[in-house]
PDB file of N, CA and C in Angstrom:
ATOM      1  N   MET A   1      77.596  56.984 300.043  1.00  0.00           N
ATOM      2  CA  MET A   1      76.618  56.745 301.064  1.00  0.00           C
ATOM      3  C   MET A   1      76.495  55.248 301.230  1.00  0.00           C
ATOM      4  N   ASN A   2      76.178  54.552 300.266  1.00  0.00           N
ATOM      5  CA  ASN A   2      75.832  53.192 300.561  1.00  0.00           C
ATOM      6  C   ASN A   2      75.558  52.372 299.321  1.00  0.00           C
ATOM      7  N   GLU A   3      75.086  51.206 299.621  1.00  0.00           N
ATOM      8  CA  GLU A   3      74.837  50.234 298.565  1.00  0.00           C
ATOM      9  C   GLU A   3      73.765  50.706 297.574  1.00  0.00           C
ATOM     10  N   LYS A   4      72.696  51.277 298.101  1.00  0.00           N
ATOM     11  CA  LYS A   4      71.607  51.738 297.228  1.00  0.00           C
ATOM     12  C   LYS A   4      72.090  52.838 296.273  1.00  0.00           C
ATOM     13  N   LEU A   5      72.804  53.804 296.804  1.00  0.00           N
ATOM     14  CA  LEU A   5      73.327  54.881 295.967  1.00  0.00           C
ATOM     15  C   LEU A   5      74.333  54.329 294.962  1.00  0.00           C
ATOM     16  N   ARG A   6      75.214  53.444 295.420  1.00  0.00           N
ATOM     17  CA  ARG A   6      76.185  52.837 294.506  1.00  0.00           C
ATOM     18  C   ARG A   6      75.482  52.115 293.364  1.00  0.00           C
ATOM     19  N   ASP A   7      74.463  51.352 293.696  1.00  0.00           N
ATOM     20  CA  ASP A   7      73.732  50.617 292.667  1.00  0.00           C
ATOM     21  C   ASP A   7      73.092  51.557 291.651  1.00  0.00           C
ATOM     22  N   ILE A   8      72.543  52.655 292.124  1.00  0.00           N
ATOM     23  CA  ILE A   8      71.920  53.633 291.218  1.00  0.00           C
ATOM     24  C   ILE A   8      72.968  54.252 290.304  1.00  0.00           C
ATOM     25  N   ILE A   9      74.081  54.700 290.878  1.00  0.00           N
ATOM     26  CA  ILE A   9      75.145  55.325 290.082  1.00  0.00           C
ATOM     27  C   ILE A   9      75.665  54.352 289.026  1.00  0.00           C
ATOM     28  N   CYS A  10      75.928  53.134 289.437  1.00  0.00           N
ATOM     29  CA  CYS A  10      76.460  52.131 288.504  1.00  0.00           C
ATOM     30  C   CYS A  10      75.446  51.796 287.416  1.00  0.00           C
ATOM     31  N   ASP A  11      74.187  51.723 287.777  1.00  0.00           N
ATOM     32  CA  ASP A  11      73.154  51.398 286.804  1.00  0.00           C
ATOM     33  C   ASP A  11      72.945  52.542 285.807  1.00  0.00           C
ATOM     34  N   VAL A  12      72.796  53.751 286.307  1.00  0.00           N
ATOM     35  CA  VAL A  12      72.531  54.899 285.425  1.00  0.00           C
ATOM     36  C   VAL A  12      73.687  55.126 284.464  1.00  0.00           C
ATOM     37  N   PHE A  13      74.905  55.072 284.964  1.00  0.00           N
ATOM     38  CA  PHE A  13      76.062  55.380 284.120  1.00  0.00           C
ATOM     39  C   PHE A  13      76.732  54.140 283.533  1.00  0.00           C
ATOM     40  N   ARG A  14      76.175  52.982 283.869  1.00  0.00           N
ATOM     41  CA  ARG A  14      76.698  51.709 283.355  1.00  0.00           C
ATOM     42  C   ARG A  14      78.193  51.551 283.602  1.00  0.00           C
ATOM     43  N   ILE A  15      78.535  51.737 284.865  1.00  0.00           N
ATOM     44  CA  ILE A  15      79.923  51.532 285.262  1.00  0.00           C
ATOM     45  C   ILE A  15      79.987  50.334 286.204  1.00  0.00           C
ATOM     46  N   GLU A  16      81.146  49.742 286.282  1.00  0.00           N
ATOM     47  CA  GLU A  16      81.363  48.605 287.170  1.00  0.00           C
ATOM     48  C   GLU A  16      81.396  49.100 288.623  1.00  0.00           C
ATOM     49  N   PRO A  17      80.859  48.312 289.544  1.00  0.00           N
ATOM     50  CA  PRO A  17      80.878  48.719 290.955  1.00  0.00           C
ATOM     51  C   PRO A  17      82.276  49.033 291.472  1.00  0.00           C
ATOM     52  N   GLU A  18      83.284  48.412 290.899  1.00  0.00           N
ATOM     53  CA  GLU A  18      84.661  48.672 291.330  1.00  0.00           C
ATOM     54  C   GLU A  18      85.092  50.110 291.050  1.00  0.00           C
ATOM     55  N   ARG A  19      84.466  50.754 290.079  1.00  0.00           N
ATOM     56  CA  ARG A  19      84.812  52.148 289.761  1.00  0.00           C
ATOM     57  C   ARG A  19      84.176  53.138 290.721  1.00  0.00           C
ATOM     58  N   TYR A  20      83.130  52.717 291.401  1.00  0.00           N
ATOM     59  CA  TYR A  20      82.427  53.598 292.335  1.00  0.00           C
ATOM     60  C   TYR A  20      83.294  53.833 293.562  1.00  0.00           C
ATOM     61  N   ARG A  21      83.400  55.085 293.940  1.00  0.00           N
ATOM     62  CA  ARG A  21      84.103  55.435 295.165  1.00  0.00           C
ATOM     63  C   ARG A  21      83.525  56.747 295.690  1.00  0.00           C
ATOM     64  N   PRO A  22      83.670  57.026 296.965  1.00  0.00           N
ATOM     65  CA  PRO A  22      83.049  58.202 297.566  1.00  0.00           C
ATOM     66  C   PRO A  22      83.457  59.533 296.941  1.00  0.00           C
ATOM     67  N   ASP A  23      84.641  59.613 296.360  1.00  0.00           N
ATOM     68  CA  ASP A  23      85.088  60.883 295.779  1.00  0.00           C
ATOM     69  C   ASP A  23      84.914  60.939 294.255  1.00  0.00           C
ATOM     70  N   LEU A  24      84.137  60.020 293.695  1.00  0.00           N
ATOM     71  CA  LEU A  24      83.892  59.999 292.253  1.00  0.00           C
ATOM     72  C   LEU A  24      83.128  61.261 291.836  1.00  0.00           C
ATOM     73  N   ALA A  25      83.562  61.871 290.730  1.00  0.00           N
ATOM     74  CA  ALA A  25      82.931  63.097 290.231  1.00  0.00           C
ATOM     75  C   ALA A  25      82.527  62.922 288.775  1.00  0.00           C
ATOM     76  N   SER A  26      81.629  63.764 288.335  1.00  0.00           N
ATOM     77  CA  SER A  26      81.083  63.666 286.980  1.00  0.00           C
ATOM     78  C   SER A  26      82.166  63.720 285.906  1.00  0.00           C
ATOM     79  N   ALA A  27      83.200  64.496 286.124  1.00  0.00           N
ATOM     80  CA  ALA A  27      84.265  64.629 285.128  1.00  0.00           C
ATOM     81  C   ALA A  27      85.008  63.319 284.877  1.00  0.00           C
ATOM     82  N   GLU A  28      84.877  62.375 285.798  1.00  0.00           N
ATOM     83  CA  GLU A  28      85.574  61.096 285.678  1.00  0.00           C
ATOM     84  C   GLU A  28      84.740  60.011 285.003  1.00  0.00           C
ATOM     85  N   VAL A  29      83.496  60.318 284.687  1.00  0.00           N
ATOM     86  CA  VAL A  29      82.594  59.322 284.113  1.00  0.00           C
ATOM     87  C   VAL A  29      82.131  59.829 282.747  1.00  0.00           C
ATOM     88  N   ASP A  30      82.588  59.168 281.696  1.00  0.00           N
ATOM     89  CA  ASP A  30      82.262  59.606 280.337  1.00  0.00           C
ATOM     90  C   ASP A  30      80.760  59.727 280.095  1.00  0.00           C
ATOM     91  N   ALA A  31      79.990  58.815 280.637  1.00  0.00           N
ATOM     92  CA  ALA A  31      78.544  58.813 280.399  1.00  0.00           C
ATOM     93  C   ALA A  31      77.794  59.882 281.190  1.00  0.00           C
ATOM     94  N   TRP A  32      78.474  60.566 282.107  1.00  0.00           N
ATOM     95  CA  TRP A  32      77.811  61.544 282.968  1.00  0.00           C
ATOM     96  C   TRP A  32      77.700  62.876 282.229  1.00  0.00           C
ATOM     97  N   ASP A  33      76.807  62.918 281.246  1.00  0.00           N
ATOM     98  CA  ASP A  33      76.559  64.154 280.513  1.00  0.00           C
ATOM     99  C   ASP A  33      75.259  64.771 281.022  1.00  0.00           C
ATOM    100  N   SER A  34      74.800  65.841 280.396  1.00  0.00           N
ATOM    101  CA  SER A  34      73.624  66.555 280.902  1.00  0.00           C
ATOM    102  C   SER A  34      72.355  65.702 280.858  1.00  0.00           C
ATOM    103  N   VAL A  35      72.187  64.916 279.829  1.00  0.00           N
ATOM    104  CA  VAL A  35      70.997  64.066 279.726  1.00  0.00           C
ATOM    105  C   VAL A  35      71.025  62.991 280.808  1.00  0.00           C
ATOM    106  N   MET A  36      72.157  62.355 280.984  1.00  0.00           N
ATOM    107  CA  MET A  36      72.261  61.307 281.995  1.00  0.00           C
ATOM    108  C   MET A  36      72.202  61.889 283.414  1.00  0.00           C
ATOM    109  N   HIS A  37      72.603  63.134 283.565  1.00  0.00           N
ATOM    110  CA  HIS A  37      72.503  63.784 284.876  1.00  0.00           C
ATOM    111  C   HIS A  37      71.028  63.926 285.260  1.00  0.00           C
ATOM    112  N   ILE A  38      70.197  64.307 284.305  1.00  0.00           N
ATOM    113  CA  ILE A  38      68.763  64.414 284.571  1.00  0.00           C
ATOM    114  C   ILE A  38      68.186  63.038 284.904  1.00  0.00           C
ATOM    115  N   THR A  39      68.620  62.031 284.172  1.00  0.00           N
ATOM    116  CA  THR A  39      68.188  60.662 284.462  1.00  0.00           C
ATOM    117  C   THR A  39      68.577  60.276 285.883  1.00  0.00           C
ATOM    118  N   LEU A  40      69.796  60.610 286.271  1.00  0.00           N
ATOM    119  CA  LEU A  40      70.255  60.322 287.629  1.00  0.00           C
ATOM    120  C   LEU A  40      69.377  61.022 288.656  1.00  0.00           C
ATOM    121  N   LEU A  41      69.114  62.313 288.463  1.00  0.00           N
ATOM    122  CA  LEU A  41      68.307  63.063 289.422  1.00  0.00           C
ATOM    123  C   LEU A  41      66.909  62.471 289.564  1.00  0.00           C
ATOM    124  N   LEU A  42      66.293  62.131 288.456  1.00  0.00           N
ATOM    125  CA  LEU A  42      64.958  61.535 288.505  1.00  0.00           C
ATOM    126  C   LEU A  42      64.974  60.182 289.214  1.00  0.00           C
ATOM    127  N   THR A  43      66.003  59.400 288.950  1.00  0.00           N
ATOM    128  CA  THR A  43      66.132  58.098 289.598  1.00  0.00           C
ATOM    129  C   THR A  43      66.330  58.256 291.098  1.00  0.00           C
ATOM    130  N   LEU A  44      67.165  59.210 291.495  1.00  0.00           N
ATOM    131  CA  LEU A  44      67.389  59.465 292.916  1.00  0.00           C
ATOM    132  C   LEU A  44      66.098  59.919 293.592  1.00  0.00           C
ATOM    133  N   GLU A  45      65.370  60.821 292.938  1.00  0.00           N
ATOM    134  CA  GLU A  45      64.117  61.309 293.514  1.00  0.00           C
ATOM    135  C   GLU A  45      63.129  60.161 293.715  1.00  0.00           C
ATOM    136  N   GLN A  46      62.987  59.318 292.732  1.00  0.00           N
ATOM    137  CA  GLN A  46      62.071  58.186 292.837  1.00  0.00           C
ATOM    138  C   GLN A  46      62.523  57.184 293.899  1.00  0.00           C
ATOM    139  N   SER A  47      63.801  56.871 293.892  1.00  0.00           N
ATOM    140  CA  SER A  47      64.324  55.843 294.796  1.00  0.00           C
ATOM    141  C   SER A  47      64.316  56.265 296.254  1.00  0.00           C
ATOM    142  N   PHE A  48      64.568  57.553 296.499  1.00  0.00           N
ATOM    143  CA  PHE A  48      64.674  58.023 297.873  1.00  0.00           C
ATOM    144  C   PHE A  48      63.467  58.838 298.333  1.00  0.00           C
ATOM    145  N   GLY A  49      62.492  59.057 297.438  1.00  0.00           N
ATOM    146  CA  GLY A  49      61.293  59.794 297.818  1.00  0.00           C
ATOM    147  C   GLY A  49      61.546  61.247 298.152  1.00  0.00           C
ATOM    148  N   VAL A  50      62.440  61.883 297.405  1.00  0.00           N
ATOM    149  CA  VAL A  50      62.782  63.286 297.634  1.00  0.00           C
ATOM    150  C   VAL A  50      62.545  64.075 296.344  1.00  0.00           C
ATOM    151  N   THR A  51      62.601  65.395 296.458  1.00  0.00           N
ATOM    152  CA  THR A  51      62.503  66.265 295.296  1.00  0.00           C
ATOM    153  C   THR A  51      63.606  67.310 295.398  1.00  0.00           C
ATOM    154  N   PHE A  52      64.372  67.442 294.340  1.00  0.00           N
ATOM    155  CA  PHE A  52      65.462  68.414 294.315  1.00  0.00           C
ATOM    156  C   PHE A  52      65.041  69.656 293.543  1.00  0.00           C
ATOM    157  N   GLU A  53      65.464  70.809 294.020  1.00  0.00           N
ATOM    158  CA  GLU A  53      65.284  72.056 293.282  1.00  0.00           C
ATOM    159  C   GLU A  53      66.276  72.051 292.117  1.00  0.00           C
ATOM    160  N   PRO A  54      65.952  72.721 291.011  1.00  0.00           N
ATOM    161  CA  PRO A  54      66.860  72.728 289.851  1.00  0.00           C
ATOM    162  C   PRO A  54      68.285  73.182 290.196  1.00  0.00           C
ATOM    163  N   GLU A  55      68.402  74.207 291.017  1.00  0.00           N
ATOM    164  CA  GLU A  55      69.731  74.710 291.384  1.00  0.00           C
ATOM    165  C   GLU A  55      70.508  73.661 292.171  1.00  0.00           C
ATOM    166  N   GLU A  56      69.807  72.974 293.032  1.00  0.00           N
ATOM    167  CA  GLU A  56      70.421  71.929 293.842  1.00  0.00           C
ATOM    168  C   GLU A  56      70.900  70.783 292.952  1.00  0.00           C
ATOM    169  N   GLY A  57      70.058  70.375 292.020  1.00  0.00           N
ATOM    170  CA  GLY A  57      70.412  69.300 291.101  1.00  0.00           C
ATOM    171  C   GLY A  57      71.634  69.637 290.277  1.00  0.00           C
ATOM    172  N   ALA A  58      71.751  70.888 289.886  1.00  0.00           N
ATOM    173  CA  ALA A  58      72.893  71.323 289.077  1.00  0.00           C
ATOM    174  C   ALA A  58      74.211  71.211 289.835  1.00  0.00           C
ATOM    175  N   GLU A  59      74.143  71.280 291.150  1.00  0.00           N
ATOM    176  CA  GLU A  59      75.350  71.207 291.976  1.00  0.00           C
ATOM    177  C   GLU A  59      75.741  69.777 292.341  1.00  0.00           C
ATOM    178  N   MET A  60      74.903  68.818 292.021  1.00  0.00           N
ATOM    179  CA  MET A  60      75.131  67.428 292.420  1.00  0.00           C
ATOM    180  C   MET A  60      75.985  66.709 291.376  1.00  0.00           C
ATOM    181  N   THR A  61      77.246  67.104 291.307  1.00  0.00           N
ATOM    182  CA  THR A  61      78.149  66.576 290.282  1.00  0.00           C
ATOM    183  C   THR A  61      79.230  65.658 290.848  1.00  0.00           C
ATOM    184  N   SER A  62      79.010  65.185 292.050  1.00  0.00           N
ATOM    185  CA  SER A  62      79.936  64.222 292.655  1.00  0.00           C
ATOM    186  C   SER A  62      79.149  63.378 293.641  1.00  0.00           C
ATOM    187  N   ILE A  63      79.705  62.242 294.004  1.00  0.00           N
ATOM    188  CA  ILE A  63      79.049  61.377 294.981  1.00  0.00           C
ATOM    189  C   ILE A  63      78.908  62.117 296.306  1.00  0.00           C
ATOM    190  N   GLU A  64      79.927  62.844 296.684  1.00  0.00           N
ATOM    191  CA  GLU A  64      79.880  63.605 297.934  1.00  0.00           C
ATOM    192  C   GLU A  64      78.736  64.616 297.921  1.00  0.00           C
ATOM    193  N   ALA A  65      78.566  65.340 296.820  1.00  0.00           N
ATOM    194  CA  ALA A  65      77.487  66.327 296.712  1.00  0.00           C
ATOM    195  C   ALA A  65      76.117  65.644 296.711  1.00  0.00           C
ATOM    196  N   ILE A  66      76.022  64.502 296.082  1.00  0.00           N
ATOM    197  CA  ILE A  66      74.766  63.752 296.056  1.00  0.00           C
ATOM    198  C   ILE A  66      74.412  63.276 297.454  1.00  0.00           C
ATOM    199  N   ARG A  67      75.391  62.735 298.148  1.00  0.00           N
ATOM    200  CA  ARG A  67      75.153  62.261 299.515  1.00  0.00           C
ATOM    201  C   ARG A  67      74.707  63.396 300.419  1.00  0.00           C
ATOM    202  N   SER A  68      75.335  64.555 300.282  1.00  0.00           N
ATOM    203  CA  SER A  68      74.962  65.719 301.098  1.00  0.00           C
ATOM    204  C   SER A  68      73.533  66.151 300.800  1.00  0.00           C
ATOM    205  N   ALA A  69      73.171  66.188 299.528  1.00  0.00           N
ATOM    206  CA  ALA A  69      71.814  66.592 299.142  1.00  0.00           C
ATOM    207  C   ALA A  69      70.783  65.605 299.670  1.00  0.00           C
ATOM    208  N   LEU A  70      71.075  64.319 299.550  1.00  0.00           N
ATOM    209  CA  LEU A  70      70.151  63.310 300.070  1.00  0.00           C
ATOM    210  C   LEU A  70      69.999  63.440 301.574  1.00  0.00           C
ATOM    211  N   ALA A  71      71.092  63.684 302.267  1.00  0.00           N
ATOM    212  CA  ALA A  71      71.045  63.846 303.731  1.00  0.00           C
ATOM    213  C   ALA A  71      70.208  65.067 304.109  1.00  0.00           C
ATOM    214  N   ARG A  72      70.355  66.173 303.369  1.00  0.00           N
ATOM    215  CA  ARG A  72      69.577  67.385 303.647  1.00  0.00           C
ATOM    216  C   ARG A  72      68.074  67.118 303.492  1.00  0.00           C
ATOM    217  N   HIS A  73      67.740  66.195 302.614  1.00  0.00           N
ATOM    218  CA  HIS A  73      66.335  65.863 302.390  1.00  0.00           C
ATOM    219  C   HIS A  73      65.861  64.718 303.279  1.00  0.00           C
ATOM    220  N   GLY A  74      66.708  64.301 304.194  1.00  0.00           N
ATOM    221  CA  GLY A  74      66.323  63.285 305.157  1.00  0.00           C
ATOM    222  C   GLY A  74      66.375  61.858 304.633  1.00  0.00           C
ATOM    223  N   ALA A  75      67.077  61.637 303.564  1.00  0.00           N
ATOM    224  CA  ALA A  75      67.189  60.292 302.995  1.00  0.00           C
ATOM    225  C   ALA A  75      68.285  59.526 303.714  1.00  0.00           C
ATOM    226  N   THR A  76      68.053  59.206 304.961  1.00  0.00           N
ATOM    227  CA  THR A  76      69.054  58.507 305.756  1.00  0.00           C
ATOM    228  C   THR A  76      69.017  57.003 305.542  1.00  0.00           C
ATOM    229  N   ASP A  77      67.955  56.516 304.918  1.00  0.00           N
ATOM    230  CA  ASP A  77      67.835  55.079 304.688  1.00  0.00           C
ATOM    231  C   ASP A  77      68.484  54.674 303.385  1.00  0.00           C
ATOM    232  N   ALA A  78      69.486  55.410 302.971  1.00  0.00           N
ATOM    233  CA  ALA A  78      70.126  55.183 301.687  1.00  0.00           C
ATOM    234  C   ALA A  78      70.972  53.925 301.670  1.00  0.00           C
ATOM    235  N   ASP A  79      71.068  53.203 302.763  1.00  0.00           N
ATOM    236  CA  ASP A  79      71.883  51.980 302.772  1.00  0.00           C
ATOM    237  C   ASP A  79      71.270  50.919 302.001  1.00  0.00           C
TER     238      ASP A  79
END
């Protein structure tokens, strides 16, 4: 999606911005375990002012899925 989402992903998982790409998935990030996934979801909710249902959060295992979920919740200001 954008700079804000990239910054959150890089901060939560402590990866270099160069590793971030639109098709990045959880399986490619060692730190993306279940605990850090919850941290990511909470950070996204706070940063974008949205609330995810548990089932929805469980499906957000890639940047593409995260972007889609944010868009569904009207988080268009994600830049």
